[in-house]
Amino acid sequence: MVLRTLTALLLVMPMLVSAAIFPPDTKVKMLDPKTFRRVMKSNRTSIVAFVAPWCGHCQRMAPEYSSAAGNLSPLIPFYAIDCDAALNKPVCASQEIQGFPTVKVFPRGGQLPGQKYEAGERTSSNFIKWASRSVPNKIKVLPKVGDIPQWLDKNNDLPRVILLNRDKKFPLLWQVLGNNYHKKLAFGHYSDPEGKYAASLGFPVSADGKFSKVIVYPAGSSVPILYEGESRAAGGTKYEPLSKYFRSIVDGTADFLKGPSELPVKDEL
């Protein structure tokens, strides 16, 4: 019994040592071969640091990497793999890791090849800019109101979601969601600074003065549905409830897809 316990401890010790190079409250998650495969099967843009616990450069990078992970969580997950652990060596070999630390971005899991970090010093701000730029842009920008019906018709076979906000640009949140649900939902953005288009659909500016709205058009339908989750004051909508809502559209469990006998339930935060 003691021998089995000691053996198990020795197996996990390298991961514990590697995890210790990151701050205790870090958003960086350690991976092993099983969880790495899971990340590669995901559509999400992910950042993976291949490290070794004895590596001085890894230790110096860890606080900056962890800071970037905290700033971008939960939009872009940050991971690390201890390449010094025997269990992880095949993964590191398959990624052709020859020096530490090596940081890679995987834009859509394993669907696109990983790209090495080559954006200058390994600082939190550089990691944030690099990771944000690496998210594939699957958003259709709709400059004019007249562009919206054509876009809706062109993507009629998919559920379509449009972000209306005051800004000419869409937030990183929307770009991340567009990448996550690519080919499952069509994503658009229309700048509606005065809320006129939203009002024309029957969705005027809310009493709290928030302009940002997410409008959903079910597949094959021209009837708009307002997402009624809570929006951030700075524009855009929180990731977790929106992602949950979009998953329900994809899997057919969204309230508006259940039929007229079902009462609608708001997706509250």
C-alpha atoms as a PDB file:
ATOM      1  CA  MET A   1       0.000   0.000   0.000  1.00  0.00           C
ATOM      2  CA  VAL A   2       2.792   2.398   0.958  1.00  0.00           C
ATOM      3  CA  LEU A   3       4.696   1.470  -2.216  1.00  0.00           C
ATOM      4  CA  ARG A   4       1.663   2.176  -4.423  1.00  0.00           C
ATOM      5  CA  THR A   5       1.124   5.540  -2.736  1.00  0.00           C
ATOM      6  CA  LEU A   6       4.786   6.468  -3.170  1.00  0.00           C
ATOM      7  CA  THR A   7       4.710   5.430  -6.839  1.00  0.00           C
ATOM      8  CA  ALA A   8       1.614   7.561  -7.487  1.00  0.00           C
ATOM      9  CA  LEU A   9       3.231  10.520  -5.760  1.00  0.00           C
ATOM     10  CA  LEU A  10       6.364  10.202  -7.874  1.00  0.00           C
ATOM     11  CA  LEU A  11       4.257  10.179 -11.042  1.00  0.00           C
ATOM     12  CA  VAL A  12       2.466  13.421 -10.212  1.00  0.00           C
ATOM     13  CA  MET A  13       5.439  15.169  -8.580  1.00  0.00           C
ATOM     14  CA  PRO A  14       6.822  16.683 -11.831  1.00  0.00           C
ATOM     15  CA  MET A  15       3.441  18.261 -12.587  1.00  0.00           C
ATOM     16  CA  LEU A  16       3.206  19.651  -9.062  1.00  0.00           C
ATOM     17  CA  VAL A  17       6.693  21.129  -9.331  1.00  0.00           C
ATOM     18  CA  SER A  18       5.897  22.623 -12.745  1.00  0.00           C
ATOM     19  CA  ALA A  19       2.606  24.041 -11.537  1.00  0.00           C
ATOM     20  CA  ALA A  20       4.533  25.679  -8.683  1.00  0.00           C
ATOM     21  CA  ILE A  21       6.338  28.012 -11.106  1.00  0.00           C
ATOM     22  CA  PHE A  22       2.997  29.781 -11.590  1.00  0.00           C
ATOM     23  CA  PRO A  23       1.368  31.902  -8.851  1.00  0.00           C
ATOM     24  CA  PRO A  24      -1.099  30.052  -6.556  1.00  0.00           C
ATOM     25  CA  ASP A  25      -4.150  31.878  -7.947  1.00  0.00           C
ATOM     26  CA  THR A  26      -3.130  31.469 -11.581  1.00  0.00           C
ATOM     27  CA  LYS A  27      -5.620  30.892 -14.396  1.00  0.00           C
ATOM     28  CA  VAL A  28      -2.996  28.759 -16.164  1.00  0.00           C
ATOM     29  CA  LYS A  29      -4.088  25.106 -16.243  1.00  0.00           C
ATOM     30  CA  MET A  30      -1.572  22.284 -16.389  1.00  0.00           C
ATOM     31  CA  LEU A  31      -2.096  19.694 -19.128  1.00  0.00           C
ATOM     32  CA  ASP A  32      -1.198  16.046 -19.499  1.00  0.00           C
ATOM     33  CA  PRO A  33      -1.567  13.944 -22.696  1.00  0.00           C
ATOM     34  CA  LYS A  34      -5.273  13.298 -22.094  1.00  0.00           C
ATOM     35  CA  THR A  35      -6.221  16.909 -21.404  1.00  0.00           C
ATOM     36  CA  PHE A  36      -3.983  18.132 -24.252  1.00  0.00           C
ATOM     37  CA  ARG A  37      -5.922  15.924 -26.680  1.00  0.00           C
ATOM     38  CA  ARG A  38      -9.141  17.370 -25.275  1.00  0.00           C
ATOM     39  CA  VAL A  39      -7.898  20.911 -25.916  1.00  0.00           C
ATOM     40  CA  MET A  40      -6.928  19.961 -29.470  1.00  0.00           C
ATOM     41  CA  LYS A  41     -10.457  18.660 -30.125  1.00  0.00           C
ATOM     42  CA  SER A  42     -11.929  22.005 -29.094  1.00  0.00           C
ATOM     43  CA  ASN A  43     -12.715  24.814 -31.535  1.00  0.00           C
ATOM     44  CA  ARG A  44     -11.357  27.398 -29.108  1.00  0.00           C
ATOM     45  CA  THR A  45      -8.236  29.487 -29.523  1.00  0.00           C
ATOM     46  CA  SER A  46      -5.843  28.267 -26.829  1.00  0.00           C
ATOM     47  CA  ILE A  47      -2.361  29.245 -25.666  1.00  0.00           C
ATOM     48  CA  VAL A  48      -0.015  26.489 -24.499  1.00  0.00           C
ATOM     49  CA  ALA A  49       3.378  26.995 -22.828  1.00  0.00           C
ATOM     50  CA  PHE A  50       5.788  24.049 -23.003  1.00  0.00           C
ATOM     51  CA  VAL A  51       7.992  24.400 -19.933  1.00  0.00           C
ATOM     52  CA  ALA A  52      10.443  22.622 -17.629  1.00  0.00           C
ATOM     53  CA  PRO A  53      10.560  23.258 -13.858  1.00  0.00           C
ATOM     54  CA  TRP A  54      14.346  23.770 -13.826  1.00  0.00           C
ATOM     55  CA  CYS A  55      14.254  26.332 -16.649  1.00  0.00           C
ATOM     56  CA  GLY A  56      15.173  29.815 -15.430  1.00  0.00           C
ATOM     57  CA  HIS A  57      13.539  31.492 -18.448  1.00  0.00           C
ATOM     58  CA  CYS A  58      10.317  29.600 -17.678  1.00  0.00           C
ATOM     59  CA  GLN A  59      10.392  30.790 -14.079  1.00  0.00           C
ATOM     60  CA  ARG A  60      10.892  34.403 -15.176  1.00  0.00           C
ATOM     61  CA  MET A  61       8.118  34.121 -17.765  1.00  0.00           C
ATOM     62  CA  ALA A  62       5.596  32.515 -15.398  1.00  0.00           C
ATOM     63  CA  PRO A  63       4.272  35.696 -13.674  1.00  0.00           C
ATOM     64  CA  GLU A  64       3.828  37.491 -17.025  1.00  0.00           C
ATOM     65  CA  TYR A  65       2.167  34.465 -18.628  1.00  0.00           C
ATOM     66  CA  SER A  66      -0.104  34.067 -15.611  1.00  0.00           C
ATOM     67  CA  SER A  67      -1.035  37.756 -15.700  1.00  0.00           C
ATOM     68  CA  ALA A  68      -2.018  37.480 -19.370  1.00  0.00           C
ATOM     69  CA  ALA A  69      -4.054  34.362 -18.572  1.00  0.00           C
ATOM     70  CA  GLY A  70      -5.966  36.265 -15.906  1.00  0.00           C
ATOM     71  CA  ASN A  71      -6.628  39.214 -18.210  1.00  0.00           C
ATOM     72  CA  LEU A  72      -7.968  37.070 -21.046  1.00  0.00           C
ATOM     73  CA  SER A  73      -9.880  34.542 -18.942  1.00  0.00           C
ATOM     74  CA  PRO A  74     -12.340  33.092 -19.837  1.00  0.00           C
ATOM     75  CA  LEU A  75     -12.128  34.242 -23.465  1.00  0.00           C
ATOM     76  CA  ILE A  76      -8.801  32.633 -24.350  1.00  0.00           C
ATOM     77  CA  PRO A  77      -7.599  29.793 -22.087  1.00  0.00           C
ATOM     78  CA  PHE A  78      -3.910  29.553 -21.165  1.00  0.00           C
ATOM     79  CA  TYR A  79      -2.303  26.183 -20.490  1.00  0.00           C
ATOM     80  CA  ALA A  80       1.120  24.755 -19.664  1.00  0.00           C
ATOM     81  CA  ILE A  81       2.771  21.360 -20.090  1.00  0.00           C
ATOM     82  CA  ASP A  82       5.743  20.123 -18.072  1.00  0.00           C
ATOM     83  CA  CYS A  83       7.963  18.600 -20.761  1.00  0.00           C
ATOM     84  CA  ASP A  84      10.325  17.261 -18.092  1.00  0.00           C
ATOM     85  CA  ALA A  85       7.679  14.784 -16.918  1.00  0.00           C
ATOM     86  CA  ALA A  86       8.045  11.380 -18.585  1.00  0.00           C
ATOM     87  CA  LEU A  87       4.293  11.175 -19.143  1.00  0.00           C
ATOM     88  CA  ASN A  88       4.337  14.370 -21.229  1.00  0.00           C
ATOM     89  CA  LYS A  89       7.463  13.762 -23.317  1.00  0.00           C
ATOM     90  CA  PRO A  90       5.556  12.232 -26.292  1.00  0.00           C
ATOM     91  CA  VAL A  91       3.324  15.309 -26.470  1.00  0.00           C
ATOM     92  CA  CYS A  92       6.294  17.670 -26.405  1.00  0.00           C
ATOM     93  CA  ALA A  93       8.091  15.560 -29.027  1.00  0.00           C
ATOM     94  CA  SER A  94       5.035  15.625 -31.299  1.00  0.00           C
ATOM     95  CA  GLN A  95       5.056  19.437 -31.052  1.00  0.00           C
ATOM     96  CA  GLU A  96       8.784  19.508 -31.912  1.00  0.00           C
ATOM     97  CA  ILE A  97       9.708  21.316 -28.707  1.00  0.00           C
ATOM     98  CA  GLN A  98      13.460  21.874 -28.691  1.00  0.00           C
ATOM     99  CA  GLY A  99      13.874  24.637 -26.105  1.00  0.00           C
ATOM    100  CA  PHE A 100      12.135  26.114 -23.089  1.00  0.00           C
ATOM    101  CA  PRO A 101       9.931  27.921 -22.780  1.00  0.00           C
ATOM    102  CA  THR A 102       8.157  27.419 -26.096  1.00  0.00           C
ATOM    103  CA  VAL A 103       4.755  29.090 -26.258  1.00  0.00           C
ATOM    104  CA  LYS A 104       2.279  28.208 -28.999  1.00  0.00           C
ATOM    105  CA  VAL A 105      -1.146  29.416 -29.996  1.00  0.00           C
ATOM    106  CA  PHE A 106      -3.632  26.947 -31.432  1.00  0.00           C
ATOM    107  CA  PRO A 107      -6.210  29.128 -33.265  1.00  0.00           C
ATOM    108  CA  ARG A 108      -8.869  26.388 -33.500  1.00  0.00           C
ATOM    109  CA  GLY A 109      -7.610  23.514 -31.400  1.00  0.00           C
ATOM    110  CA  GLY A 110      -5.894  20.923 -33.581  1.00  0.00           C
ATOM    111  CA  GLN A 111      -7.775  22.011 -36.715  1.00  0.00           C
ATOM    112  CA  LEU A 112      -5.082  24.575 -37.506  1.00  0.00           C
ATOM    113  CA  PRO A 113      -1.331  24.207 -36.900  1.00  0.00           C
ATOM    114  CA  GLY A 114       0.094  25.695 -33.737  1.00  0.00           C
ATOM    115  CA  GLN A 115       2.105  28.895 -34.156  1.00  0.00           C
ATOM    116  CA  LYS A 116       5.110  29.770 -31.994  1.00  0.00           C
ATOM    117  CA  TYR A 117       5.258  32.976 -30.003  1.00  0.00           C
ATOM    118  CA  GLU A 118       7.665  35.323 -31.777  1.00  0.00           C
ATOM    119  CA  ALA A 119       6.268  38.698 -30.716  1.00  0.00           C
ATOM    120  CA  GLY A 120       9.167  40.067 -28.709  1.00  0.00           C
ATOM    121  CA  GLU A 121       9.736  39.963 -24.966  1.00  0.00           C
ATOM    122  CA  ARG A 122       7.596  37.565 -22.979  1.00  0.00           C
ATOM    123  CA  THR A 123       5.549  40.203 -21.193  1.00  0.00           C
ATOM    124  CA  SER A 124       1.919  40.103 -20.163  1.00  0.00           C
ATOM    125  CA  SER A 125       0.945  42.877 -22.588  1.00  0.00           C
ATOM    126  CA  ASN A 126       2.726  41.183 -25.486  1.00  0.00           C
ATOM    127  CA  PHE A 127       1.056  37.861 -24.717  1.00  0.00           C
ATOM    128  CA  ILE A 128      -2.352  39.569 -24.558  1.00  0.00           C
ATOM    129  CA  LYS A 129      -1.914  41.359 -27.898  1.00  0.00           C
ATOM    130  CA  TRP A 130      -0.533  38.248 -29.593  1.00  0.00           C
ATOM    131  CA  ALA A 131      -3.253  35.950 -28.281  1.00  0.00           C
ATOM    132  CA  SER A 132      -6.025  38.410 -29.182  1.00  0.00           C
ATOM    133  CA  ARG A 133      -4.710  38.830 -32.725  1.00  0.00           C
ATOM    134  CA  SER A 134      -4.533  35.052 -33.128  1.00  0.00           C
ATOM    135  CA  VAL A 135      -8.287  34.467 -32.764  1.00  0.00           C
ATOM    136  CA  PRO A 136      -9.687  33.752 -36.268  1.00  0.00           C
ATOM    137  CA  ASN A 137     -12.135  36.439 -37.336  1.00  0.00           C
ATOM    138  CA  LYS A 138     -15.422  34.842 -38.407  1.00  0.00           C
ATOM    139  CA  ILE A 139     -17.563  37.957 -37.924  1.00  0.00           C
ATOM    140  CA  LYS A 140     -19.368  39.544 -40.867  1.00  0.00           C
ATOM    141  CA  VAL A 141     -19.263  43.320 -40.491  1.00  0.00           C
ATOM    142  CA  LEU A 142     -22.478  44.890 -41.795  1.00  0.00           C
ATOM    143  CA  PRO A 143     -21.671  48.538 -42.587  1.00  0.00           C
ATOM    144  CA  LYS A 144     -25.202  49.551 -43.632  1.00  0.00           C
ATOM    145  CA  VAL A 145     -28.720  48.567 -42.606  1.00  0.00           C
ATOM    146  CA  GLY A 146     -29.341  47.431 -46.175  1.00  0.00           C
ATOM    147  CA  ASP A 147     -26.585  44.816 -45.842  1.00  0.00           C
ATOM    148  CA  ILE A 148     -28.414  42.961 -43.077  1.00  0.00           C
ATOM    149  CA  PRO A 149     -31.297  41.351 -45.094  1.00  0.00           C
ATOM    150  CA  GLN A 150     -28.846  40.081 -47.718  1.00  0.00           C
ATOM    151  CA  TRP A 151     -26.599  38.565 -45.053  1.00  0.00           C
ATOM    152  CA  LEU A 152     -29.594  36.959 -43.329  1.00  0.00           C
ATOM    153  CA  ASP A 153     -30.772  35.404 -46.612  1.00  0.00           C
ATOM    154  CA  LYS A 154     -27.308  34.168 -47.525  1.00  0.00           C
ATOM    155  CA  ASN A 155     -26.995  32.313 -44.200  1.00  0.00           C
ATOM    156  CA  ASN A 156     -30.631  31.254 -43.961  1.00  0.00           C
ATOM    157  CA  ASP A 157     -29.736  27.611 -43.266  1.00  0.00           C
ATOM    158  CA  LEU A 158     -27.950  28.565 -40.028  1.00  0.00           C
ATOM    159  CA  PRO A 159     -29.081  30.355 -36.882  1.00  0.00           C
ATOM    160  CA  ARG A 160     -27.789  33.926 -37.222  1.00  0.00           C
ATOM    161  CA  VAL A 161     -26.753  36.208 -34.390  1.00  0.00           C
ATOM    162  CA  ILE A 162     -26.043  39.922 -34.680  1.00  0.00           C
ATOM    163  CA  LEU A 163     -24.354  42.153 -32.137  1.00  0.00           C
ATOM    164  CA  LEU A 164     -25.711  45.710 -32.141  1.00  0.00           C
ATOM    165  CA  ASN A 165     -23.652  48.264 -30.260  1.00  0.00           C
ATOM    166  CA  ARG A 166     -22.440  51.850 -30.394  1.00  0.00           C
ATOM    167  CA  ASP A 167     -18.954  51.010 -31.604  1.00  0.00           C
ATOM    168  CA  LYS A 168     -17.704  50.630 -35.147  1.00  0.00           C
ATOM    169  CA  LYS A 169     -15.686  47.653 -33.976  1.00  0.00           C
ATOM    170  CA  PHE A 170     -16.861  44.508 -32.239  1.00  0.00           C
ATOM    171  CA  PRO A 171     -15.247  43.358 -28.964  1.00  0.00           C
ATOM    172  CA  LEU A 172     -12.869  40.436 -28.576  1.00  0.00           C
ATOM    173  CA  LEU A 173     -15.687  38.562 -26.838  1.00  0.00           C
ATOM    174  CA  TRP A 174     -17.723  38.518 -30.055  1.00  0.00           C
ATOM    175  CA  GLN A 175     -14.740  37.425 -32.133  1.00  0.00           C
ATOM    176  CA  VAL A 176     -14.017  34.573 -29.698  1.00  0.00           C
ATOM    177  CA  LEU A 177     -17.628  33.376 -29.809  1.00  0.00           C
ATOM    178  CA  GLY A 178     -17.680  33.634 -33.605  1.00  0.00           C
ATOM    179  CA  ASN A 179     -14.634  31.374 -33.757  1.00  0.00           C
ATOM    180  CA  ASN A 180     -15.983  28.928 -31.171  1.00  0.00           C
ATOM    181  CA  TYR A 181     -19.269  28.451 -33.037  1.00  0.00           C
ATOM    182  CA  HIS A 182     -17.990  28.756 -36.601  1.00  0.00           C
ATOM    183  CA  LYS A 183     -20.171  26.812 -39.090  1.00  0.00           C
ATOM    184  CA  LYS A 184     -22.770  26.271 -36.369  1.00  0.00           C
ATOM    185  CA  LEU A 185     -23.947  29.877 -36.053  1.00  0.00           C
ATOM    186  CA  ALA A 186     -23.436  32.829 -38.400  1.00  0.00           C
ATOM    187  CA  PHE A 187     -22.126  35.913 -36.594  1.00  0.00           C
ATOM    188  CA  GLY A 188     -22.647  39.509 -37.669  1.00  0.00           C
ATOM    189  CA  HIS A 189     -21.984  42.978 -36.279  1.00  0.00           C
ATOM    190  CA  TYR A 190     -23.798  46.228 -36.976  1.00  0.00           C
ATOM    191  CA  SER A 191     -22.900  49.572 -35.429  1.00  0.00           C
ATOM    192  CA  ASP A 192     -26.178  51.016 -34.120  1.00  0.00           C
ATOM    193  CA  PRO A 193     -25.014  54.020 -32.050  1.00  0.00           C
ATOM    194  CA  GLU A 194     -28.456  55.533 -31.565  1.00  0.00           C
ATOM    195  CA  GLY A 195     -30.334  52.260 -31.284  1.00  0.00           C
ATOM    196  CA  LYS A 196     -32.501  53.028 -34.327  1.00  0.00           C
ATOM    197  CA  TYR A 197     -32.169  49.606 -35.963  1.00  0.00           C
ATOM    198  CA  ALA A 198     -32.868  47.800 -32.706  1.00  0.00           C
ATOM    199  CA  ALA A 199     -35.933  50.014 -32.185  1.00  0.00           C
ATOM    200  CA  SER A 200     -37.166  49.188 -35.696  1.00  0.00           C
ATOM    201  CA  LEU A 201     -37.171  45.514 -34.651  1.00  0.00           C
ATOM    202  CA  GLY A 202     -39.194  46.340 -31.547  1.00  0.00           C
ATOM    203  CA  PHE A 203     -36.239  46.398 -29.168  1.00  0.00           C
ATOM    204  CA  PRO A 204     -35.747  50.016 -28.033  1.00  0.00           C
ATOM    205  CA  VAL A 205     -32.956  51.162 -25.727  1.00  0.00           C
ATOM    206  CA  SER A 206     -33.573  49.659 -22.291  1.00  0.00           C
ATOM    207  CA  ALA A 207     -34.440  51.765 -19.255  1.00  0.00           C
ATOM    208  CA  ASP A 208     -30.874  51.456 -17.926  1.00  0.00           C
ATOM    209  CA  GLY A 209     -29.581  53.079 -21.105  1.00  0.00           C
ATOM    210  CA  LYS A 210     -27.624  50.085 -22.393  1.00  0.00           C
ATOM    211  CA  PHE A 211     -27.343  50.003 -26.170  1.00  0.00           C
ATOM    212  CA  SER A 212     -25.647  46.639 -26.769  1.00  0.00           C
ATOM    213  CA  LYS A 213     -28.044  43.964 -27.922  1.00  0.00           C
ATOM    214  CA  VAL A 214     -27.721  40.462 -29.310  1.00  0.00           C
ATOM    215  CA  ILE A 215     -30.379  39.600 -31.876  1.00  0.00           C
ATOM    216  CA  VAL A 216     -30.996  35.981 -32.892  1.00  0.00           C
ATOM    217  CA  TYR A 217     -32.635  34.792 -36.100  1.00  0.00           C
ATOM    218  CA  PRO A 218     -33.410  31.052 -35.953  1.00  0.00           C
ATOM    219  CA  ALA A 219     -32.455  28.998 -39.007  1.00  0.00           C
ATOM    220  CA  GLY A 220     -34.950  29.555 -41.801  1.00  0.00           C
ATOM    221  CA  SER A 221     -36.733  32.340 -39.934  1.00  0.00           C
ATOM    222  CA  SER A 222     -36.876  36.102 -40.459  1.00  0.00           C
ATOM    223  CA  VAL A 223     -38.326  36.735 -36.994  1.00  0.00           C
ATOM    224  CA  PRO A 224     -35.791  38.375 -34.655  1.00  0.00           C
ATOM    225  CA  ILE A 225     -35.434  37.256 -31.049  1.00  0.00           C
ATOM    226  CA  LEU A 226     -33.764  39.397 -28.407  1.00  0.00           C
ATOM    227  CA  TYR A 227     -31.228  37.735 -26.133  1.00  0.00           C
ATOM    228  CA  GLU A 228     -32.258  38.925 -22.688  1.00  0.00           C
ATOM    229  CA  GLY A 229     -29.119  38.212 -20.695  1.00  0.00           C
ATOM    230  CA  GLU A 230     -27.331  40.979 -18.818  1.00  0.00           C
ATOM    231  CA  SER A 231     -24.907  43.160 -20.806  1.00  0.00           C
ATOM    232  CA  ARG A 232     -21.732  44.830 -19.636  1.00  0.00           C
ATOM    233  CA  ALA A 233     -21.707  48.584 -19.336  1.00  0.00           C
ATOM    234  CA  ALA A 234     -18.717  48.779 -21.702  1.00  0.00           C
ATOM    235  CA  GLY A 235     -20.578  46.901 -24.432  1.00  0.00           C
ATOM    236  CA  GLY A 236     -20.579  43.226 -25.237  1.00  0.00           C
ATOM    237  CA  THR A 237     -22.092  40.499 -23.151  1.00  0.00           C
ATOM    238  CA  LYS A 238     -20.558  38.211 -20.563  1.00  0.00           C
ATOM    239  CA  TYR A 239     -18.963  35.083 -21.989  1.00  0.00           C
ATOM    240  CA  GLU A 240     -20.384  32.275 -19.872  1.00  0.00           C
ATOM    241  CA  PRO A 241     -24.136  33.027 -20.203  1.00  0.00           C
ATOM    242  CA  LEU A 242     -23.804  33.871 -23.902  1.00  0.00           C
ATOM    243  CA  SER A 243     -21.834  30.719 -24.625  1.00  0.00           C
ATOM    244  CA  LYS A 244     -24.409  28.669 -22.726  1.00  0.00           C
ATOM    245  CA  TYR A 245     -27.192  30.346 -24.701  1.00  0.00           C
ATOM    246  CA  PHE A 246     -25.503  29.670 -28.041  1.00  0.00           C
ATOM    247  CA  ARG A 247     -24.906  26.029 -27.100  1.00  0.00           C
ATOM    248  CA  SER A 248     -28.636  25.702 -26.428  1.00  0.00           C
ATOM    249  CA  ILE A 249     -29.366  27.059 -29.928  1.00  0.00           C
ATOM    250  CA  VAL A 250     -26.944  24.603 -31.514  1.00  0.00           C
ATOM    251  CA  ASP A 251     -28.251  21.570 -29.617  1.00  0.00           C
ATOM    252  CA  GLY A 252     -31.896  22.580 -30.045  1.00  0.00           C
ATOM    253  CA  THR A 253     -32.740  23.134 -26.375  1.00  0.00           C
ATOM    254  CA  ALA A 254     -33.115  26.933 -26.518  1.00  0.00           C
ATOM    255  CA  ASP A 255     -36.472  28.058 -25.130  1.00  0.00           C
ATOM    256  CA  PHE A 256     -37.624  29.609 -28.391  1.00  0.00           C
ATOM    257  CA  LEU A 257     -37.014  26.288 -30.182  1.00  0.00           C
ATOM    258  CA  LYS A 258     -39.213  24.236 -27.860  1.00  0.00           C
ATOM    259  CA  GLY A 259     -42.525  25.267 -29.407  1.00  0.00           C
ATOM    260  CA  PRO A 260     -45.337  27.643 -28.488  1.00  0.00           C
ATOM    261  CA  SER A 261     -46.506  25.563 -25.521  1.00  0.00           C
ATOM    262  CA  GLU A 262     -43.284  26.336 -23.644  1.00  0.00           C
ATOM    263  CA  LEU A 263     -42.963  29.553 -21.641  1.00  0.00           C
ATOM    264  CA  PRO A 264     -39.814  31.565 -22.474  1.00  0.00           C
ATOM    265  CA  VAL A 265     -37.201  31.707 -19.750  1.00  0.00           C
ATOM    266  CA  LYS A 266     -34.736  34.570 -19.576  1.00  0.00           C
ATOM    267  CA  ASP A 267     -31.057  33.721 -19.479  1.00  0.00           C
ATOM    268  CA  GLU A 268     -30.265  35.781 -16.387  1.00  0.00           C
ATOM    269  CA  LEU A 269     -26.822  36.192 -14.881  1.00  0.00           C
END
